[in-house]
Amino acid sequence: MAALYKAAGIFGDMEINAAEFTPRDVYNLKIFDLDFVRPQVCQDADPDQPFCQLLGKYRVTYPGYSTVAPYAHMDETCASLAPDYVRKDGC
């Protein structure tokens, strides 16, 4: 997904290596509009989500959703291990 965002120009002229991004890194990017007024069907399905989830047996959560501003060379030196992708502070 980070490669798609890079190709779309979301990162501008920043040096970004999309292969270094984990799924968490992608949803943590501060690129999503948190003031987006969701359609009523989304609000009815889950009034507390900042995004739209209409289907699924389980509620999807994204801790830290849209909280990290992109920066050059982002995540290039951040070690993480699946499945929790826990990293040291400041990374």
N, C-alpha and C. Protein backbone atom coordinates (compact mmCIF):
# COMPACT_ATOMS: atom_id res chain seq x y z
N MET A 1 0.83 -1.19 0.00
CA MET A 1 0.00 0.00 0.00
C MET A 1 0.87 1.25 0.00
N ALA A 2 1.98 1.24 0.74
CA ALA A 2 2.85 2.41 0.78
C ALA A 2 3.40 2.72 -0.61
N ALA A 3 3.65 1.68 -1.40
CA ALA A 3 4.14 1.89 -2.77
C ALA A 3 3.07 2.61 -3.61
N LEU A 4 1.82 2.27 -3.41
CA LEU A 4 0.72 2.93 -4.11
C LEU A 4 0.65 4.40 -3.71
N TYR A 5 0.76 4.67 -2.41
CA TYR A 5 0.73 6.05 -1.93
C TYR A 5 1.92 6.84 -2.49
N LYS A 6 3.07 6.20 -2.56
CA LYS A 6 4.25 6.86 -3.11
C LYS A 6 4.03 7.19 -4.59
N ALA A 7 3.53 6.22 -5.34
CA ALA A 7 3.26 6.44 -6.77
C ALA A 7 2.21 7.53 -6.98
N ALA A 8 1.28 7.66 -6.05
CA ALA A 8 0.23 8.68 -6.16
C ALA A 8 0.72 10.06 -5.77
N GLY A 9 1.95 10.14 -5.22
CA GLY A 9 2.51 11.43 -4.87
C GLY A 9 2.18 11.92 -3.47
N ILE A 10 1.61 11.07 -2.64
CA ILE A 10 1.22 11.49 -1.30
C ILE A 10 2.43 11.92 -0.47
N PHE A 11 3.58 11.34 -0.72
CA PHE A 11 4.79 11.67 0.03
C PHE A 11 5.57 12.83 -0.59
N GLY A 12 5.07 13.38 -1.67
CA GLY A 12 5.77 14.48 -2.33
C GLY A 12 7.15 14.04 -2.79
N ASP A 13 8.16 14.86 -2.50
CA ASP A 13 9.52 14.52 -2.95
C ASP A 13 10.34 13.86 -1.84
N MET A 14 9.69 13.40 -0.77
CA MET A 14 10.41 12.72 0.32
C MET A 14 10.99 11.40 -0.17
N GLU A 15 12.16 11.05 0.35
CA GLU A 15 12.76 9.75 0.07
C GLU A 15 12.05 8.73 0.95
N ILE A 16 11.27 7.87 0.34
CA ILE A 16 10.50 6.85 1.05
C ILE A 16 10.77 5.50 0.40
N ASN A 17 11.12 4.50 1.22
CA ASN A 17 11.30 3.14 0.74
C ASN A 17 10.06 2.35 1.17
N ALA A 18 9.13 2.19 0.27
CA ALA A 18 7.84 1.57 0.60
C ALA A 18 8.00 0.14 1.09
N ALA A 19 9.05 -0.54 0.71
CA ALA A 19 9.26 -1.93 1.15
C ALA A 19 9.53 -2.02 2.65
N GLU A 20 9.89 -0.91 3.28
CA GLU A 20 10.17 -0.90 4.71
C GLU A 20 8.92 -0.74 5.57
N PHE A 21 7.78 -0.53 4.96
CA PHE A 21 6.54 -0.28 5.69
C PHE A 21 5.82 -1.58 6.05
N THR A 22 5.38 -1.67 7.29
CA THR A 22 4.52 -2.78 7.72
C THR A 22 3.08 -2.32 7.55
N PRO A 23 2.11 -3.23 7.68
CA PRO A 23 0.71 -2.78 7.62
C PRO A 23 0.42 -1.70 8.66
N ARG A 24 0.98 -1.84 9.85
CA ARG A 24 0.78 -0.83 10.89
C ARG A 24 1.32 0.53 10.46
N ASP A 25 2.49 0.55 9.85
CA ASP A 25 3.07 1.81 9.39
C ASP A 25 2.13 2.53 8.42
N VAL A 26 1.47 1.77 7.59
CA VAL A 26 0.57 2.36 6.59
C VAL A 26 -0.63 3.00 7.26
N TYR A 27 -1.28 2.31 8.19
CA TYR A 27 -2.47 2.91 8.79
C TYR A 27 -2.13 3.97 9.83
N ASN A 28 -0.89 4.00 10.30
CA ASN A 28 -0.46 5.06 11.22
C ASN A 28 -0.15 6.37 10.50
N LEU A 29 0.05 6.32 9.19
CA LEU A 29 0.36 7.55 8.44
C LEU A 29 -0.71 8.60 8.66
N LYS A 30 -0.28 9.79 8.96
CA LYS A 30 -1.21 10.90 9.19
C LYS A 30 -1.60 11.51 7.84
N ILE A 31 -2.31 10.72 7.07
CA ILE A 31 -2.75 11.15 5.74
C ILE A 31 -4.26 11.01 5.58
N PHE A 32 -4.90 10.44 6.58
CA PHE A 32 -6.34 10.20 6.51
C PHE A 32 -7.10 11.35 7.16
N ASP A 33 -8.20 11.73 6.57
CA ASP A 33 -9.01 12.84 7.05
C ASP A 33 -9.86 12.39 8.24
N LEU A 34 -9.46 12.78 9.44
CA LEU A 34 -10.18 12.38 10.64
C LEU A 34 -11.49 13.16 10.82
N ASP A 35 -11.68 14.20 10.03
CA ASP A 35 -12.92 14.98 10.10
C ASP A 35 -13.90 14.58 9.00
N PHE A 36 -13.58 13.52 8.27
CA PHE A 36 -14.43 13.01 7.21
C PHE A 36 -15.80 12.65 7.77
N VAL A 37 -16.84 13.17 7.17
CA VAL A 37 -18.20 12.84 7.59
C VAL A 37 -18.60 11.57 6.85
N ARG A 38 -18.67 10.50 7.60
CA ARG A 38 -18.97 9.20 7.01
C ARG A 38 -20.44 9.12 6.60
N PRO A 39 -20.74 8.38 5.55
CA PRO A 39 -22.14 8.19 5.16
C PRO A 39 -22.93 7.56 6.31
N GLN A 40 -24.21 7.80 6.33
CA GLN A 40 -25.06 7.32 7.41
C GLN A 40 -24.97 5.81 7.60
N VAL A 41 -24.86 5.07 6.51
CA VAL A 41 -24.77 3.61 6.61
C VAL A 41 -23.53 3.19 7.41
N CYS A 42 -22.44 3.94 7.28
CA CYS A 42 -21.22 3.66 8.05
C CYS A 42 -21.43 3.99 9.52
N GLN A 43 -22.05 5.11 9.77
CA GLN A 43 -22.33 5.51 11.15
C GLN A 43 -23.26 4.51 11.84
N ASP A 44 -24.24 4.02 11.10
CA ASP A 44 -25.17 3.04 11.66
C ASP A 44 -24.47 1.72 11.95
N ALA A 45 -23.56 1.31 11.07
CA ALA A 45 -22.86 0.04 11.25
C ALA A 45 -21.91 0.09 12.44
N ASP A 46 -21.24 1.22 12.63
CA ASP A 46 -20.30 1.37 13.76
C ASP A 46 -20.07 2.85 14.01
N PRO A 47 -20.81 3.43 14.96
CA PRO A 47 -20.72 4.87 15.18
C PRO A 47 -19.38 5.36 15.75
N ASP A 48 -18.56 4.47 16.29
CA ASP A 48 -17.32 4.89 16.94
C ASP A 48 -16.08 4.79 16.07
N GLN A 49 -16.19 4.24 14.88
CA GLN A 49 -15.02 4.11 14.00
C GLN A 49 -14.80 5.41 13.23
N PRO A 50 -13.53 5.81 13.02
CA PRO A 50 -13.26 6.99 12.20
C PRO A 50 -13.26 6.68 10.70
N PHE A 51 -13.47 5.42 10.36
CA PHE A 51 -13.51 4.99 8.96
C PHE A 51 -14.75 4.12 8.79
N CYS A 52 -14.98 3.65 7.59
CA CYS A 52 -16.20 2.90 7.30
C CYS A 52 -15.93 1.39 7.24
N GLN A 53 -16.57 0.65 8.12
CA GLN A 53 -16.55 -0.81 8.07
C GLN A 53 -17.98 -1.29 8.05
N LEU A 54 -18.38 -1.82 6.91
CA LEU A 54 -19.77 -2.23 6.75
C LEU A 54 -20.00 -3.71 7.02
N LEU A 55 -19.00 -4.52 6.73
CA LEU A 55 -19.18 -5.96 6.81
C LEU A 55 -18.11 -6.60 7.69
N GLY A 56 -18.35 -7.83 8.03
CA GLY A 56 -17.35 -8.60 8.76
C GLY A 56 -17.86 -9.07 10.09
N LYS A 57 -17.39 -10.23 10.46
CA LYS A 57 -17.78 -10.83 11.72
C LYS A 57 -17.11 -10.13 12.89
N TYR A 58 -15.93 -9.57 12.65
CA TYR A 58 -15.16 -8.94 13.70
C TYR A 58 -14.97 -7.45 13.41
N ARG A 59 -14.89 -6.66 14.46
CA ARG A 59 -14.65 -5.22 14.34
C ARG A 59 -13.16 -5.00 14.13
N VAL A 60 -12.80 -4.26 13.10
CA VAL A 60 -11.41 -3.95 12.81
C VAL A 60 -11.01 -2.73 13.63
N THR A 61 -9.86 -2.81 14.28
CA THR A 61 -9.32 -1.66 15.01
C THR A 61 -7.92 -1.38 14.51
N TYR A 62 -7.56 -0.12 14.51
CA TYR A 62 -6.23 0.31 14.07
C TYR A 62 -5.65 1.25 15.12
N PRO A 63 -4.94 0.71 16.12
CA PRO A 63 -4.34 1.57 17.14
C PRO A 63 -3.37 2.58 16.50
N GLY A 64 -3.52 3.84 16.85
CA GLY A 64 -2.65 4.87 16.30
C GLY A 64 -3.04 5.30 14.90
N TYR A 65 -4.26 5.03 14.50
CA TYR A 65 -4.74 5.37 13.16
C TYR A 65 -4.52 6.85 12.86
N SER A 66 -3.83 7.13 11.76
CA SER A 66 -3.59 8.48 11.25
C SER A 66 -2.94 9.40 12.28
N THR A 67 -1.83 8.94 12.89
CA THR A 67 -1.17 9.73 13.94
C THR A 67 0.28 10.08 13.67
N VAL A 68 0.91 9.49 12.65
CA VAL A 68 2.34 9.73 12.41
C VAL A 68 2.53 10.46 11.08
N ALA A 69 3.04 11.68 11.16
CA ALA A 69 3.29 12.46 9.95
C ALA A 69 4.43 11.82 9.15
N PRO A 70 4.27 11.67 7.85
CA PRO A 70 5.33 11.08 7.03
C PRO A 70 6.61 11.93 7.08
N TYR A 71 7.75 11.28 7.01
CA TYR A 71 9.04 11.97 6.97
C TYR A 71 10.01 11.17 6.11
N ALA A 72 11.02 11.83 5.60
CA ALA A 72 12.00 11.18 4.72
C ALA A 72 12.68 10.01 5.43
N HIS A 73 12.89 8.94 4.69
CA HIS A 73 13.54 7.72 5.18
C HIS A 73 12.77 7.06 6.32
N MET A 74 11.47 7.27 6.33
CA MET A 74 10.60 6.74 7.37
C MET A 74 10.72 5.22 7.45
N ASP A 75 10.85 4.71 8.65
CA ASP A 75 10.84 3.28 8.97
C ASP A 75 12.02 2.48 8.41
N GLU A 76 13.03 3.15 7.92
CA GLU A 76 14.16 2.42 7.34
C GLU A 76 15.06 1.77 8.39
N THR A 77 15.03 2.25 9.62
CA THR A 77 15.88 1.66 10.65
C THR A 77 15.07 1.16 11.84
N CYS A 78 13.81 0.89 11.63
CA CYS A 78 12.93 0.47 12.72
C CYS A 78 12.72 -1.04 12.68
N ALA A 79 13.28 -1.72 13.65
CA ALA A 79 13.08 -3.16 13.74
C ALA A 79 11.69 -3.46 14.27
N SER A 80 11.06 -4.49 13.75
CA SER A 80 9.76 -4.92 14.25
C SER A 80 9.58 -6.39 13.92
N LEU A 81 8.79 -7.05 14.73
CA LEU A 81 8.52 -8.46 14.54
C LEU A 81 7.03 -8.72 14.50
N ALA A 82 6.63 -9.50 13.52
CA ALA A 82 5.23 -9.90 13.43
C ALA A 82 4.93 -10.83 14.59
N PRO A 83 3.73 -10.97 15.06
CA PRO A 83 2.51 -10.41 14.49
C PRO A 83 2.13 -9.06 15.08
N ASP A 84 2.80 -8.61 16.16
CA ASP A 84 2.40 -7.37 16.81
C ASP A 84 3.14 -6.13 16.30
N TYR A 85 4.24 -6.33 15.60
CA TYR A 85 5.04 -5.23 15.05
C TYR A 85 5.43 -4.21 16.12
N VAL A 86 5.83 -4.72 17.28
CA VAL A 86 6.25 -3.87 18.38
C VAL A 86 7.63 -3.28 18.07
N ARG A 87 7.76 -1.98 18.30
CA ARG A 87 9.02 -1.28 18.03
C ARG A 87 9.38 -0.40 19.20
N LYS A 88 10.65 -0.02 19.27
CA LYS A 88 11.08 0.87 20.34
C LYS A 88 10.48 2.26 20.14
N ASP A 89 10.42 3.04 21.21
CA ASP A 89 9.87 4.39 21.14
C ASP A 89 10.67 5.25 20.17
N GLY A 90 9.99 6.14 19.49
CA GLY A 90 10.64 7.05 18.56
C GLY A 90 10.90 6.45 17.19
N CYS A 91 10.39 5.27 16.97
CA CYS A 91 10.62 4.63 15.68
C CYS A 91 9.31 4.42 14.97
